[in-house]
Amino acid sequence: MFGMVVSAGASMLSDVEWNKRNMMIFALSVSLGFGLQLEPGALQHLPETAKILLSSGLLPAAFIAIVLNLILPEEAADEAV
């Protein structure tokens, strides 16, 4: 089942037009997600509920990707890599 999820995600990413804006969104969200999952001590001062939600890596990665998609200027999307 995990392999199917990975292959579906790779298929979706192959259809993306990679420009500087999209690469920045992808890189930051994946880095934050992996970072919080691999270093849960970064969340030690948060309440227990926040630790549970943020330590999986999925929720913070999705949140930062959505926020960056909304705030990064579209002008950066014009420059293809």
C-alpha atoms as a PDB file:
ATOM      1  CA  MET A   1       0.000   0.000   0.000  1.00  0.00           C
ATOM      2  CA  PHE A   2       2.839   2.402   0.827  1.00  0.00           C
ATOM      3  CA  GLY A   3       4.361   1.734  -2.598  1.00  0.00           C
ATOM      4  CA  MET A   4       1.101   2.681  -4.303  1.00  0.00           C
ATOM      5  CA  VAL A   5       0.955   5.959  -2.401  1.00  0.00           C
ATOM      6  CA  VAL A   6       4.559   6.775  -3.348  1.00  0.00           C
ATOM      7  CA  SER A   7       4.002   5.923  -7.009  1.00  0.00           C
ATOM      8  CA  ALA A   8       0.819   8.036  -7.132  1.00  0.00           C
ATOM      9  CA  GLY A   9       2.706  10.974  -5.591  1.00  0.00           C
ATOM     10  CA  ALA A  10       5.592  10.591  -8.037  1.00  0.00           C
ATOM     11  CA  SER A  11       3.120  10.499 -10.897  1.00  0.00           C
ATOM     12  CA  MET A  12       1.515  13.741  -9.712  1.00  0.00           C
ATOM     13  CA  LEU A  13       4.901  15.434  -9.317  1.00  0.00           C
ATOM     14  CA  SER A  14       5.923  14.430 -12.843  1.00  0.00           C
ATOM     15  CA  ASP A  15       3.039  16.521 -14.219  1.00  0.00           C
ATOM     16  CA  VAL A  16       4.123  19.698 -12.384  1.00  0.00           C
ATOM     17  CA  GLU A  17       5.756  22.498 -14.350  1.00  0.00           C
ATOM     18  CA  TRP A  18       8.932  22.975 -12.292  1.00  0.00           C
ATOM     19  CA  ASN A  19       9.862  26.632 -11.941  1.00  0.00           C
ATOM     20  CA  LYS A  20      11.597  28.512  -9.136  1.00  0.00           C
ATOM     21  CA  ARG A  21       8.355  29.166  -7.262  1.00  0.00           C
ATOM     22  CA  ASN A  22       7.177  25.553  -7.319  1.00  0.00           C
ATOM     23  CA  MET A  23      10.629  24.251  -6.414  1.00  0.00           C
ATOM     24  CA  MET A  24      10.786  26.622  -3.434  1.00  0.00           C
ATOM     25  CA  ILE A  25       7.362  25.524  -2.171  1.00  0.00           C
ATOM     26  CA  PHE A  26       8.234  21.843  -2.573  1.00  0.00           C
ATOM     27  CA  ALA A  27      11.686  22.125  -0.994  1.00  0.00           C
ATOM     28  CA  LEU A  28      10.564  24.094   2.051  1.00  0.00           C
ATOM     29  CA  SER A  29       7.529  21.956   2.772  1.00  0.00           C
ATOM     30  CA  VAL A  30       9.427  18.663   2.435  1.00  0.00           C
ATOM     31  CA  SER A  31      12.302  20.004   4.538  1.00  0.00           C
ATOM     32  CA  LEU A  32       9.992  21.153   7.304  1.00  0.00           C
ATOM     33  CA  GLY A  33       8.040  17.900   7.270  1.00  0.00           C
ATOM     34  CA  PHE A  34      11.134  15.701   7.394  1.00  0.00           C
ATOM     35  CA  GLY A  35      12.859  17.970   9.897  1.00  0.00           C
ATOM     36  CA  LEU A  36      10.032  17.864  12.427  1.00  0.00           C
ATOM     37  CA  GLN A  37       9.611  14.132  11.984  1.00  0.00           C
ATOM     38  CA  LEU A  38      13.311  13.387  12.424  1.00  0.00           C
ATOM     39  CA  GLU A  39      13.887  15.868  15.263  1.00  0.00           C
ATOM     40  CA  PRO A  40      10.815  15.798  17.528  1.00  0.00           C
ATOM     41  CA  GLY A  41      12.826  17.547  20.249  1.00  0.00           C
ATOM     42  CA  ALA A  42      12.246  20.791  18.351  1.00  0.00           C
ATOM     43  CA  LEU A  43       8.684  20.701  19.647  1.00  0.00           C
ATOM     44  CA  GLN A  44       9.511  20.069  23.303  1.00  0.00           C
ATOM     45  CA  HIS A  45       8.107  23.373  24.587  1.00  0.00           C
ATOM     46  CA  LEU A  46       4.724  23.033  22.888  1.00  0.00           C
ATOM     47  CA  PRO A  47       1.592  21.594  24.497  1.00  0.00           C
ATOM     48  CA  GLU A  48       1.051  17.840  24.122  1.00  0.00           C
ATOM     49  CA  THR A  49      -1.717  18.215  21.537  1.00  0.00           C
ATOM     50  CA  ALA A  50       0.477  20.393  19.323  1.00  0.00           C
ATOM     51  CA  LYS A  51       3.344  17.901  19.637  1.00  0.00           C
ATOM     52  CA  ILE A  52       1.121  15.071  18.439  1.00  0.00           C
ATOM     53  CA  LEU A  53      -0.167  17.071  15.462  1.00  0.00           C
ATOM     54  CA  LEU A  54       3.168  18.531  14.397  1.00  0.00           C
ATOM     55  CA  SER A  55       5.507  15.592  14.963  1.00  0.00           C
ATOM     56  CA  SER A  56       4.034  13.506  12.137  1.00  0.00           C
ATOM     57  CA  GLY A  57       5.474  15.895   9.556  1.00  0.00           C
ATOM     58  CA  LEU A  58       2.453  15.660   7.278  1.00  0.00           C
ATOM     59  CA  LEU A  59       0.385  18.453   8.814  1.00  0.00           C
ATOM     60  CA  PRO A  60       3.181  21.058   9.007  1.00  0.00           C
ATOM     61  CA  ALA A  61       4.362  20.207   5.472  1.00  0.00           C
ATOM     62  CA  ALA A  62       0.862  20.581   4.039  1.00  0.00           C
ATOM     63  CA  PHE A  63       0.265  23.803   5.986  1.00  0.00           C
ATOM     64  CA  ILE A  64       3.509  25.458   4.877  1.00  0.00           C
ATOM     65  CA  ALA A  65       2.914  24.385   1.257  1.00  0.00           C
ATOM     66  CA  ILE A  66      -0.551  25.977   1.289  1.00  0.00           C
ATOM     67  CA  VAL A  67       0.703  29.177   2.938  1.00  0.00           C
ATOM     68  CA  LEU A  68       3.651  29.509   0.540  1.00  0.00           C
ATOM     69  CA  ASN A  69       1.380  28.901  -2.434  1.00  0.00           C
ATOM     70  CA  LEU A  70      -0.785  31.796  -1.281  1.00  0.00           C
ATOM     71  CA  ILE A  71       1.978  34.293  -0.427  1.00  0.00           C
ATOM     72  CA  LEU A  72       4.762  33.701  -2.965  1.00  0.00           C
ATOM     73  CA  PRO A  73       4.453  36.020  -5.955  1.00  0.00           C
ATOM     74  CA  GLU A  74       3.368  34.566  -9.272  1.00  0.00           C
ATOM     75  CA  GLU A  75       6.149  36.482 -11.077  1.00  0.00           C
ATOM     76  CA  ALA A  76       8.602  33.830  -9.896  1.00  0.00           C
ATOM     77  CA  ALA A  77       6.520  31.231 -11.741  1.00  0.00           C
ATOM     78  CA  ASP A  78       7.302  32.848 -15.095  1.00  0.00           C
ATOM     79  CA  GLU A  79      10.957  31.808 -14.962  1.00  0.00           C
ATOM     80  CA  ALA A  80      11.158  28.132 -15.925  1.00  0.00           C
ATOM     81  CA  VAL A  81      14.101  26.134 -14.630  1.00  0.00           C
END
